[in-house]
Amino acid sequence: MPRIILFLSAIMIFFSAYSENSPTEKALDYLEKNQTSLGLWDSDGNKSFFDTYATLKTLTKLQHDKATILTNLSKINLILNLPASPETIKEIAIKLYADDNYSADSLLAMQNADEGWGNSADKQSDPLNTSIIVNLLIEKEITPSIPWTTTSDYLISIQNPDGFWNTSDETALSKLEITAKIVRTLQKLNKNGVTDNALLLSINNALNALRGTLQTDGSFRTTSDLTSFPSLIDTAEVYQTLLQYDQPALYFDTLTLL
């Protein structure tokens, strides 16, 4: 079964591009059928945190009755089923997202010395976890005592020379997907006061790297071998990011493919 995030990307693409009901209705029907009794979404067996967080973020952006119902049901179930005192960073983040009365103090306290966040016992930060936590805190209008610039510096410091990011956590995520996500995170940090040249250069390098993976069939992939079916997840994530900087007409073939 494809990962839920694929359908989330498709929802956002079709909804924002065309405002048509049919693709949105089909995607919402899929999400409704595949929501667990705990209020989670998990299509790969080990990505419930990422799938659930991405699903809820997408649902809250849709002006749709079914999306509202699914969001509220998920939040209620999450509040009821998560531990009263969650310990892992993923449980804490989901609880903070679902429960408006839950304090962010424990999540802020889990920020590592390098100013990132991670879920490993050795306090090793990870770009994906950091990206998700930054987005969550900004959305909740929660500002750490340490300036956002330091978290931005962490993300920039682990960017590869080719403009991409890799992640040791959730190894199934490709460098295209994680890079597209981090660019959107850095963009939010930029809008929240991080305006130094290093951040702008990092974004520009990543955008150029992502643009360079566009193939003649409209997909985004790191190989020019088009004999295999492309990753629609990678393509949708990169498409969503580049649309914030480039003219949509440049990616007409991508939209057609999706």
Protein backbone atom coordinates (compact mmCIF):
# COMPACT_ATOMS: atom_id res chain seq x y z
CA MET A 1 0.00 0.00 0.00
CA PRO A 2 1.49 3.39 -0.95
CA ARG A 3 2.52 5.71 1.84
CA ILE A 4 -0.15 8.08 3.10
CA ILE A 5 2.03 11.08 2.41
CA LEU A 6 1.68 10.41 -1.31
CA PHE A 7 -2.04 10.97 -1.05
CA LEU A 8 -1.55 14.04 1.11
CA SER A 9 0.67 15.60 -1.50
CA ALA A 10 -1.87 14.74 -4.17
CA ILE A 11 -4.63 16.37 -2.11
CA MET A 12 -2.70 19.60 -1.77
CA ILE A 13 -1.63 19.65 -5.40
CA PHE A 14 -5.05 19.11 -6.88
CA PHE A 15 -6.86 21.24 -4.32
CA SER A 16 -4.59 24.25 -4.69
CA ALA A 17 -4.17 23.94 -8.43
CA TYR A 18 -7.72 23.24 -9.52
CA SER A 19 -10.03 23.46 -6.48
CA GLU A 20 -11.79 20.39 -7.82
CA ASN A 21 -13.77 18.21 -5.43
CA SER A 22 -13.26 14.82 -7.03
CA PRO A 23 -9.56 14.19 -6.20
CA THR A 24 -10.04 15.66 -2.73
CA GLU A 25 -13.10 13.51 -2.05
CA LYS A 26 -11.30 10.36 -3.15
CA ALA A 27 -8.27 11.15 -1.01
CA LEU A 28 -10.42 11.91 2.03
CA ASP A 29 -12.33 8.66 1.53
CA TYR A 30 -9.01 6.83 1.51
CA LEU A 31 -7.83 8.56 4.67
CA GLU A 32 -11.12 7.84 6.43
CA LYS A 33 -10.89 4.12 5.64
CA ASN A 34 -7.27 3.86 6.75
CA GLN A 35 -7.38 5.77 10.02
CA THR A 36 -6.67 3.46 12.96
CA SER A 37 -8.75 3.27 16.12
CA LEU A 38 -5.96 5.17 17.89
CA GLY A 39 -6.38 8.14 15.56
CA LEU A 40 -3.20 7.35 13.64
CA TRP A 41 -2.28 6.85 10.02
CA ASP A 42 0.50 4.41 9.29
CA SER A 43 0.90 2.77 5.92
CA ASP A 44 4.45 1.48 6.18
CA GLY A 45 4.36 -0.18 9.58
CA ASN A 46 6.86 2.16 11.22
CA LYS A 47 6.01 5.70 10.12
CA SER A 48 2.91 6.47 12.17
CA PHE A 49 4.43 9.65 13.56
CA PHE A 50 5.36 11.14 10.21
CA ASP A 51 2.23 9.94 8.40
CA THR A 52 -0.12 11.10 11.15
CA TYR A 53 1.54 14.49 11.53
CA ALA A 54 1.55 15.07 7.76
CA THR A 55 -2.06 13.92 7.47
CA LEU A 56 -3.30 16.22 10.23
CA LYS A 57 -1.40 19.18 8.82
CA THR A 58 -2.99 18.63 5.43
CA LEU A 59 -6.49 18.07 6.78
CA THR A 60 -6.44 21.28 8.81
CA LYS A 61 -5.68 23.27 5.64
CA LEU A 62 -8.69 21.93 3.74
CA GLN A 63 -11.99 23.76 3.96
CA HIS A 64 -13.97 20.54 3.90
CA ASP A 65 -16.46 19.05 6.38
CA LYS A 66 -15.03 15.54 6.16
CA ALA A 67 -11.50 16.85 6.72
CA THR A 68 -12.68 18.65 9.86
CA ILE A 69 -14.39 15.51 11.15
CA LEU A 70 -11.30 13.36 10.51
CA THR A 71 -9.05 15.92 12.20
CA ASN A 72 -11.20 16.19 15.31
CA LEU A 73 -11.66 12.43 15.58
CA SER A 74 -7.93 11.85 15.28
CA LYS A 75 -7.09 14.48 17.90
CA ILE A 76 -9.62 13.05 20.36
CA ASN A 77 -8.30 9.51 19.91
CA LEU A 78 -4.71 10.65 20.19
CA ILE A 79 -5.39 12.50 23.43
CA LEU A 80 -7.16 9.44 24.86
CA ASN A 81 -4.59 6.88 23.76
CA LEU A 82 -1.24 8.60 24.11
CA PRO A 83 0.51 8.23 27.49
CA ALA A 84 -0.36 10.93 30.02
CA SER A 85 3.36 11.64 30.25
CA PRO A 86 4.83 10.73 26.86
CA GLU A 87 8.55 10.10 26.80
CA THR A 88 9.65 9.88 23.17
CA ILE A 89 10.01 12.98 21.06
CA LYS A 90 7.50 11.62 18.55
CA GLU A 91 4.82 10.95 21.17
CA ILE A 92 5.38 14.36 22.72
CA ALA A 93 5.16 16.11 19.36
CA ILE A 94 1.94 14.36 18.37
CA LYS A 95 0.40 15.05 21.79
CA LEU A 96 1.37 18.72 21.55
CA TYR A 97 -0.21 18.93 18.10
CA ALA A 98 -3.42 17.21 19.17
CA ASP A 99 -3.90 18.70 22.63
CA ASP A 100 -4.02 22.49 22.89
CA ASN A 101 -3.70 22.23 26.67
CA TYR A 102 -0.46 20.23 26.61
CA SER A 103 2.71 22.14 27.49
CA ALA A 104 5.62 22.32 25.06
CA ASP A 105 8.16 22.45 27.90
CA SER A 106 9.20 18.80 27.63
CA LEU A 107 9.68 19.09 23.86
CA LEU A 108 11.74 22.25 24.21
CA ALA A 109 13.85 20.53 26.87
CA MET A 110 14.71 17.76 24.39
CA GLN A 111 16.55 20.16 22.09
CA ASN A 112 20.10 18.91 21.77
CA ALA A 113 23.36 20.77 22.23
CA ASP A 114 23.62 21.26 18.46
CA GLU A 115 20.20 23.01 18.62
CA GLY A 116 18.45 20.28 16.67
CA TRP A 117 16.10 17.50 17.73
CA GLY A 118 16.43 13.76 17.40
CA ASN A 119 14.97 10.58 18.79
CA SER A 120 18.17 8.69 19.50
CA ALA A 121 19.43 7.82 22.97
CA ASP A 122 22.81 9.41 22.26
CA LYS A 123 21.23 12.85 21.80
CA GLN A 124 22.08 12.83 18.11
CA SER A 125 19.96 15.31 16.19
CA ASP A 126 18.38 14.43 12.88
CA PRO A 127 17.34 16.85 10.13
CA LEU A 128 13.94 15.24 9.62
CA ASN A 129 12.95 15.28 13.28
CA THR A 130 14.31 18.81 13.59
CA SER A 131 12.33 19.95 10.56
CA ILE A 132 9.08 18.53 11.90
CA ILE A 133 9.57 19.97 15.40
CA VAL A 134 10.41 23.42 14.01
CA ASN A 135 7.27 23.40 11.88
CA LEU A 136 5.18 22.29 14.83
CA LEU A 137 6.52 24.95 17.19
CA ILE A 138 6.12 27.71 14.63
CA GLU A 139 2.57 26.60 13.91
CA LYS A 140 1.81 26.61 17.65
CA GLU A 141 3.48 30.05 17.91
CA ILE A 142 5.94 28.67 20.46
CA THR A 143 9.41 30.21 20.42
CA PRO A 144 12.34 28.42 22.10
CA SER A 145 14.49 30.36 24.51
CA ILE A 146 17.39 29.75 22.12
CA PRO A 147 17.03 31.87 18.95
CA TRP A 148 15.79 30.16 15.79
CA THR A 149 19.07 31.17 14.16
CA THR A 150 20.88 28.40 16.02
CA THR A 151 18.48 25.73 14.71
CA SER A 152 18.86 27.16 11.22
CA ASP A 153 22.64 26.95 11.64
CA TYR A 154 22.32 23.26 12.58
CA LEU A 155 20.30 22.41 9.47
CA ILE A 156 22.65 24.38 7.24
CA SER A 157 25.73 22.74 8.79
CA ILE A 158 24.60 19.24 7.82
CA GLN A 159 23.60 20.09 4.26
CA ASN A 160 25.66 18.14 1.74
CA PRO A 161 27.92 19.99 -0.73
CA ASP A 162 25.57 18.95 -3.56
CA GLY A 163 22.70 20.85 -1.91
CA PHE A 164 20.80 17.83 -0.59
CA TRP A 165 20.19 16.55 2.93
CA ASN A 166 20.25 12.94 4.10
CA THR A 167 18.75 11.54 7.27
CA SER A 168 19.75 8.60 9.43
CA ASP A 169 16.23 8.31 10.82
CA GLU A 170 13.38 6.89 8.71
CA THR A 171 15.86 5.60 6.14
CA ALA A 172 13.13 4.97 3.58
CA LEU A 173 12.89 8.70 2.95
CA SER A 174 14.90 9.71 -0.09
CA LYS A 175 17.19 12.70 -0.23
CA LEU A 176 14.69 14.36 -2.57
CA GLU A 177 11.84 14.07 -0.08
CA ILE A 178 13.85 15.17 2.95
CA THR A 179 15.46 18.05 1.04
CA ALA A 180 12.09 19.32 -0.20
CA LYS A 181 10.76 19.25 3.37
CA ILE A 182 13.77 21.05 4.85
CA VAL A 183 13.61 23.81 2.23
CA ARG A 184 10.04 24.53 3.33
CA THR A 185 11.20 24.54 6.96
CA LEU A 186 14.02 26.98 6.23
CA GLN A 187 11.52 29.16 4.39
CA LYS A 188 9.38 29.29 7.55
CA LEU A 189 12.43 30.15 9.64
CA ASN A 190 13.20 32.93 7.18
CA LYS A 191 9.68 34.30 7.65
CA ASN A 192 10.20 34.10 11.43
CA GLY A 193 13.22 36.33 11.56
CA VAL A 194 16.16 34.26 10.32
CA THR A 195 17.40 36.42 7.47
CA ASP A 196 21.14 35.77 7.30
CA ASN A 197 22.82 35.11 3.97
CA ALA A 198 23.79 31.57 4.98
CA LEU A 199 20.13 30.53 5.15
CA LEU A 200 19.30 32.13 1.80
CA LEU A 201 22.33 30.49 0.19
CA SER A 202 21.37 27.12 1.66
CA ILE A 203 17.85 27.40 0.25
CA ASN A 204 19.17 28.47 -3.14
CA ASN A 205 21.62 25.55 -3.30
CA ALA A 206 18.89 23.10 -2.37
CA LEU A 207 16.46 24.54 -4.93
CA ASN A 208 19.06 24.23 -7.68
CA ALA A 209 19.74 20.64 -6.65
CA LEU A 210 16.02 19.82 -6.73
CA ARG A 211 15.49 21.56 -10.08
CA GLY A 212 18.32 19.50 -11.52
CA THR A 213 16.42 16.27 -10.89
CA LEU A 214 13.49 17.16 -13.18
CA GLN A 215 13.17 14.54 -15.92
CA THR A 216 11.56 14.68 -19.36
CA ASP A 217 8.52 12.73 -18.13
CA GLY A 218 7.79 15.37 -15.49
CA SER A 219 9.08 13.28 -12.58
CA PHE A 220 11.79 14.27 -10.13
CA ARG A 221 14.42 11.59 -9.59
CA THR A 222 18.17 11.30 -9.20
CA THR A 223 18.57 9.05 -12.23
CA SER A 224 17.86 9.75 -15.88
CA ASP A 225 16.83 6.12 -16.40
CA LEU A 226 13.11 6.45 -17.14
CA THR A 227 12.43 2.75 -17.67
CA SER A 228 11.09 2.33 -14.12
CA PHE A 229 8.03 4.04 -12.67
CA PRO A 230 9.02 7.19 -10.76
CA SER A 231 8.50 7.80 -7.06
CA LEU A 232 5.35 9.89 -6.94
CA ILE A 233 6.17 10.73 -3.33
CA ASP A 234 9.46 12.35 -4.31
CA THR A 235 7.87 14.05 -7.28
CA ALA A 236 4.96 15.44 -5.27
CA GLU A 237 7.20 16.70 -2.45
CA VAL A 238 9.64 18.44 -4.80
CA TYR A 239 6.79 19.85 -6.89
CA GLN A 240 5.13 21.28 -3.78
CA THR A 241 8.37 23.00 -2.78
CA LEU A 242 9.37 24.38 -6.18
CA LEU A 243 5.92 25.84 -6.76
CA GLN A 244 6.68 28.30 -3.97
CA TYR A 245 9.57 29.71 -6.00
CA ASP A 246 9.02 28.97 -9.68
CA GLN A 247 6.33 29.52 -12.28
CA PRO A 248 3.79 26.63 -12.33
CA ALA A 249 4.05 26.45 -16.13
CA LEU A 250 7.57 25.05 -15.75
CA TYR A 251 6.12 21.93 -14.16
CA PHE A 252 3.05 21.27 -16.31
CA ASP A 253 4.33 17.78 -17.16
CA THR A 254 4.78 17.11 -13.44
CA LEU A 255 1.20 18.06 -12.66
CA THR A 256 0.00 15.89 -15.55
CA LEU A 257 2.04 12.96 -14.22
CA LEU A 258 0.65 13.33 -10.71
